[in-house]
Every structure is written in C-alpha cells, then in structure tokens.
C-alpha cells in the first residue's frame, strides 16, 4: 500500500479508553459490521506506531482524558498526546487502540500506570 492509498483511505489511529458502540452511527455503517479485536502488548503497539504510523504520517487522535494514562502512553510510545475529554465518532478508515485498566476501582484516581496495570486492544472495523 502506498502513501497515496493510505491518505485516500483516511486512515487514522485513534486512542480510546473504552469502545462505545454508539460511536459507530456516522457515517452510516451497514446493518451488519464486524469488529476485529486484538489484545496486544505495549511493545507490539510501539512497533505498529514506529513501523507504520510514523513513516506513513498516519494521524494519531487521542480521546483519553485520564492524565496518568496519557503520560504513560507518551513515555512508552514516544508520542505527545494531550488529554482529551471529547466524544469519539467513528470515521471510515479509523483503526482504534482501546486502553483499559485491568482492575478499575470506582472512585479511586490512579496516578501511576505500569505495563501490568493496563490491557491494550487494537480494533479494526470491517464491513
């Protein structure tokens, strides 16, 4: 795939803290679509970013507002993400990275995150 093909497909790498099904309203997807979900390590994600995203100038969009998570991702992946509390809406071509805490505790603010604290899922939308 060439840079032009990547750009024409409007590929973006999108960081999320959850996978809200209502984010897939627009553009209208077919009544039936498939989510391919891959559990990956931080090292695999770094390889994807270093080997594909950065060389191809694929935009990286962040919808994670939790500062400790954003700080962790920036340090591990060499990025400059900024916390963002906006609502995500799917765009054709998006590849999703969902970062979740393995053991979230309601009402407790997590200030430090390590590799052992999170699950990382790479999600591809197929239709």
Protein backbone atom coordinates (compact mmCIF):
# COMPACT_ATOMS: atom_id res chain seq x y z
CA UNK A 1 0.00 0.00 0.00
CA UNK A 2 1.37 3.38 -0.97
CA UNK A 3 1.26 6.65 0.95
CA UNK A 4 -1.37 7.91 -1.51
CA UNK A 5 -3.58 4.86 -0.88
CA UNK A 6 -3.25 5.35 2.90
CA UNK A 7 -4.20 9.02 2.55
CA UNK A 8 -7.13 8.23 0.25
CA UNK A 9 -8.50 5.76 2.79
CA UNK A 10 -8.33 8.42 5.52
CA UNK A 11 -6.59 6.07 7.95
CA UNK A 12 -6.27 7.43 11.49
CA UNK A 13 -5.00 5.78 14.67
CA UNK A 14 -7.46 6.65 17.44
CA UNK A 15 -6.78 6.15 21.17
CA UNK A 16 -9.85 5.44 23.35
CA UNK A 17 -10.40 4.41 26.96
CA UNK A 18 -13.49 2.34 26.04
CA UNK A 19 -15.25 1.05 22.95
CA UNK A 20 -18.63 2.82 22.81
CA UNK A 21 -20.90 1.07 20.32
CA UNK A 22 -22.83 4.29 19.72
CA UNK A 23 -19.67 5.78 18.18
CA UNK A 24 -20.47 3.83 15.00
CA UNK A 25 -23.54 5.86 13.97
CA UNK A 26 -21.87 8.10 11.43
CA UNK A 27 -21.05 7.60 8.67
CA UNK A 28 -23.81 5.05 8.50
CA UNK A 29 -22.32 1.59 8.56
CA UNK A 30 -24.10 -1.38 7.04
CA UNK A 31 -26.63 -3.04 9.36
CA UNK A 32 -24.03 -5.73 9.99
CA UNK A 33 -20.35 -4.99 10.61
CA UNK A 34 -17.54 -6.80 12.39
CA UNK A 35 -15.02 -5.61 14.93
CA UNK A 36 -11.73 -7.49 14.89
CA UNK A 37 -10.25 -7.07 18.36
CA UNK A 38 -6.63 -7.98 19.06
CA UNK A 39 -5.15 -7.96 22.56
CA UNK A 40 -1.62 -6.56 22.11
CA UNK A 41 1.28 -5.60 24.33
CA UNK A 42 2.70 -2.10 24.64
CA UNK A 43 5.74 -3.39 22.69
CA UNK A 44 3.58 -4.54 19.76
CA UNK A 45 1.74 -1.20 19.77
CA UNK A 46 5.07 0.66 19.76
CA UNK A 47 6.18 -1.42 16.76
CA UNK A 48 2.96 -0.59 14.91
CA UNK A 49 3.50 3.12 15.58
CA UNK A 50 7.22 3.10 14.75
CA UNK A 51 6.96 0.87 11.67
CA UNK A 52 3.67 2.00 10.15
CA UNK A 53 2.06 5.05 11.69
CA UNK A 54 5.03 7.42 11.86
CA UNK A 55 6.66 6.55 8.49
CA UNK A 56 3.31 6.84 6.68
CA UNK A 57 2.32 10.05 8.53
CA UNK A 58 -0.91 8.49 9.73
CA UNK A 59 -2.70 10.95 12.04
CA UNK A 60 -2.95 9.98 15.69
CA UNK A 61 -6.05 11.18 17.53
CA UNK A 62 -6.49 10.85 21.30
CA UNK A 63 -9.80 10.60 23.19
CA UNK A 64 -8.34 9.59 26.55
CA UNK A 65 -8.72 12.23 29.26
CA UNK A 66 -7.02 10.35 32.12
CA UNK A 67 -3.71 12.17 32.60
CA UNK A 68 -1.76 9.22 34.03
CA UNK A 69 -2.74 7.04 31.06
CA UNK A 70 -1.78 9.73 28.55
CA UNK A 71 1.54 10.28 30.35
CA UNK A 72 2.20 6.51 30.28
CA UNK A 73 1.42 6.28 26.54
CA UNK A 74 3.61 9.29 25.73
CA UNK A 75 6.58 7.87 27.64
CA UNK A 76 6.24 4.32 26.27
CA UNK A 77 5.37 5.21 22.68
CA UNK A 78 7.33 8.43 22.13
CA UNK A 79 4.19 10.43 21.45
CA UNK A 80 2.92 13.87 22.51
CA UNK A 81 -0.72 13.08 23.20
CA UNK A 82 -2.79 15.63 25.12
CA UNK A 83 -5.66 14.53 27.39
CA UNK A 84 -8.98 14.93 25.60
CA UNK A 85 -12.49 14.53 27.03
CA UNK A 86 -14.20 14.81 23.63
CA UNK A 87 -16.69 12.25 22.35
CA UNK A 88 -15.37 9.90 19.69
CA UNK A 89 -17.33 9.35 16.49
CA UNK A 90 -16.13 6.69 14.05
CA UNK A 91 -14.77 7.77 10.67
CA UNK A 92 -14.26 5.30 7.83
CA UNK A 93 -10.63 4.12 7.97
CA UNK A 94 -10.15 4.51 11.72
CA UNK A 95 -8.00 1.95 13.50
CA UNK A 96 -8.76 2.00 17.21
CA UNK A 97 -6.48 1.49 20.18
CA UNK A 98 -8.51 0.87 23.34
CA UNK A 99 -6.59 1.23 26.60
CA UNK A 100 -8.33 -0.05 29.73
CA UNK A 101 -7.30 -0.58 33.33
CA UNK A 102 -7.18 -4.27 34.24
CA UNK A 103 -8.70 -3.61 37.66
CA UNK A 104 -10.55 -0.30 37.71
CA UNK A 105 -11.75 0.85 41.12
CA UNK A 106 -14.74 3.13 41.23
CA UNK A 107 -13.96 6.45 42.87
CA UNK A 108 -10.23 5.82 43.03
CA UNK A 109 -7.97 8.03 40.94
CA UNK A 110 -4.98 6.16 39.53
CA UNK A 111 -1.93 8.41 39.33
CA UNK A 112 0.75 5.97 38.18
CA UNK A 113 0.40 3.30 35.49
CA UNK A 114 2.69 0.41 34.59
CA UNK A 115 2.61 -2.26 31.89
CA UNK A 116 0.90 -4.61 34.37
CA UNK A 117 -1.99 -2.20 35.02
CA UNK A 118 -3.48 -1.99 31.53
CA UNK A 119 -4.94 -4.01 28.70
CA UNK A 120 -4.41 -2.80 25.15
CA UNK A 121 -6.72 -3.72 22.30
CA UNK A 122 -6.18 -2.94 18.63
CA UNK A 123 -9.58 -2.79 16.90
CA UNK A 124 -10.29 -2.91 13.19
CA UNK A 125 -13.77 -2.23 11.79
CA UNK A 126 -14.74 -4.49 8.87
CA UNK A 127 -17.82 -4.22 6.68
